[in-house]
Protein backbone atom coordinates (compact mmCIF):
# COMPACT_ATOMS: atom_id res chain seq x y z
CA MET A 1 -52.10 106.91 241.03
CA SER A 2 -55.65 106.46 239.76
CA LYS A 3 -56.99 108.63 242.61
CA ILE A 4 -54.76 111.50 241.49
CA ILE A 5 -55.89 111.19 237.87
CA PHE A 6 -59.53 111.07 238.99
CA PHE A 7 -59.03 114.17 241.16
CA ILE A 8 -57.41 116.06 238.25
CA PHE A 9 -60.28 115.00 235.97
CA ILE A 10 -62.88 116.25 238.48
CA CYS A 11 -61.03 119.58 238.88
CA LEU A 12 -60.82 120.16 235.13
CA ASN A 13 -64.49 119.27 234.68
CA SER A 14 -65.57 121.70 237.38
CA ILE A 15 -63.44 124.51 235.90
CA ILE A 16 -64.89 123.99 232.40
CA LEU A 17 -68.44 123.79 233.76
CA ASN A 18 -67.88 126.97 235.77
CA ILE A 19 -66.64 128.80 232.67
CA LYS A 20 -69.64 127.63 230.64
CA LEU A 21 -72.13 128.65 233.32
CA ARG A 22 -70.48 132.03 233.85
CA SER A 23 -70.52 132.84 230.14
CA ARG A 24 -74.22 131.93 229.94
CA LYS A 25 -75.01 134.31 232.78
CA THR A 26 -73.12 137.24 231.28
CA GLN A 27 -73.59 137.80 227.56
CA CYS A 28 -74.15 135.66 224.54
CA VAL A 29 -72.31 136.06 221.25
CA ASP A 30 -74.06 137.51 218.17
CA PHE A 31 -74.07 136.14 214.61
CA GLY A 32 -70.65 136.01 212.94
CA LYS A 33 -68.70 136.72 216.13
CA ASP A 34 -65.96 134.49 217.59
CA CYS A 35 -67.28 131.66 219.78
CA GLY A 36 -65.96 128.67 221.70
CA ILE A 37 -65.60 127.30 225.22
CA PHE A 38 -63.64 130.29 226.50
CA THR A 39 -65.02 133.07 224.26
CA GLY A 40 -68.71 132.58 224.94
CA LEU A 41 -71.87 130.89 223.79
CA CYS A 42 -74.01 131.93 220.84
CA CYS A 43 -77.29 133.81 221.32
CA GLY A 44 -80.74 132.31 220.70
CA ASN A 45 -80.89 129.66 217.99
CA LEU A 46 -77.35 130.26 216.78
CA VAL A 47 -74.73 127.49 217.00
CA CYS A 48 -70.93 127.62 217.00
CA LYS A 49 -69.50 126.40 213.64
CA ASP A 50 -65.96 127.09 212.44
CA PHE A 51 -65.46 129.15 215.64
CA ARG A 52 -68.17 131.64 214.56
CA CYS A 53 -71.83 131.89 215.60
CA GLN A 54 -73.95 130.65 212.68
CA PHE A 55 -77.55 129.66 212.04
CA LYS A 56 -78.56 126.07 212.78
CA GLY A 57 -77.93 123.86 209.78
CA ALA A 58 -74.80 125.75 208.71
CA LYS A 59 -72.00 123.42 207.69
CA ASN A 60 -68.31 123.57 208.54
CA ILE A 61 -66.84 124.67 205.24
CA MET A 62 -63.42 125.99 206.26
CA LYS A 63 -60.37 123.74 206.09
CA TRP A 64 -57.82 123.59 208.88
CA ALA A 65 -54.44 125.29 208.44
CA PRO A 66 -52.01 125.00 206.73
CA GLU A 67 -54.27 124.04 203.77
CA GLY A 68 -57.10 126.32 204.92
CA ASP A 69 -57.58 129.45 207.00
CA LYS A 70 -59.04 127.95 210.21
CA CYS A 71 -56.35 127.66 212.91
CA ASN A 72 -55.77 126.86 216.56
CA PHE A 73 -52.91 125.65 218.78
CA TRP A 74 -52.47 122.42 216.80
CA HIS A 75 -53.11 123.79 213.29
CA ILE A 76 -50.38 126.33 212.52
CA CYS A 77 -50.84 128.91 209.75
CA ARG A 78 -48.58 128.84 206.70
CA LYS A 79 -45.53 131.09 206.47
CA GLY A 80 -46.36 134.81 206.39
CA TYR A 81 -49.65 134.35 208.29
CA GLU A 82 -50.56 134.34 211.97
CA CYS A 83 -53.55 132.94 213.84
CA TYR A 84 -55.97 135.58 215.13
CA GLU A 85 -59.43 134.61 216.44
CA HIS A 86 -59.08 131.17 214.81
CA ARG A 87 -58.36 132.65 211.36
CA CYS A 88 -55.04 132.84 209.51
CA LEU A 89 -54.37 136.50 208.72
CA GLU A 90 -51.51 137.86 206.67
CA ILE A 91 -48.76 139.45 208.76
CA SER A 92 -48.45 143.15 208.00
CA PHE A 93 -45.23 144.95 208.74
């Protein structure tokens, strides 16, 4: 059983590393744009904070949903909002 878990771990690691290397070779993400493991790496001296490319030294100031507006698979937006690019946006009909 431990050999199977180790094999799965190695496969996942190689997939994540491949995604990171591929995104570095293509394009980097500019200031204020969406960033993360799957959406790309920030350009130059920018770092990924609150899922946006920011200057070094920027602090995470957004709270997670439902109290705040930063969301993902585990942090669901409050009623009447939906998660889009890691931000809770009001649903418009």
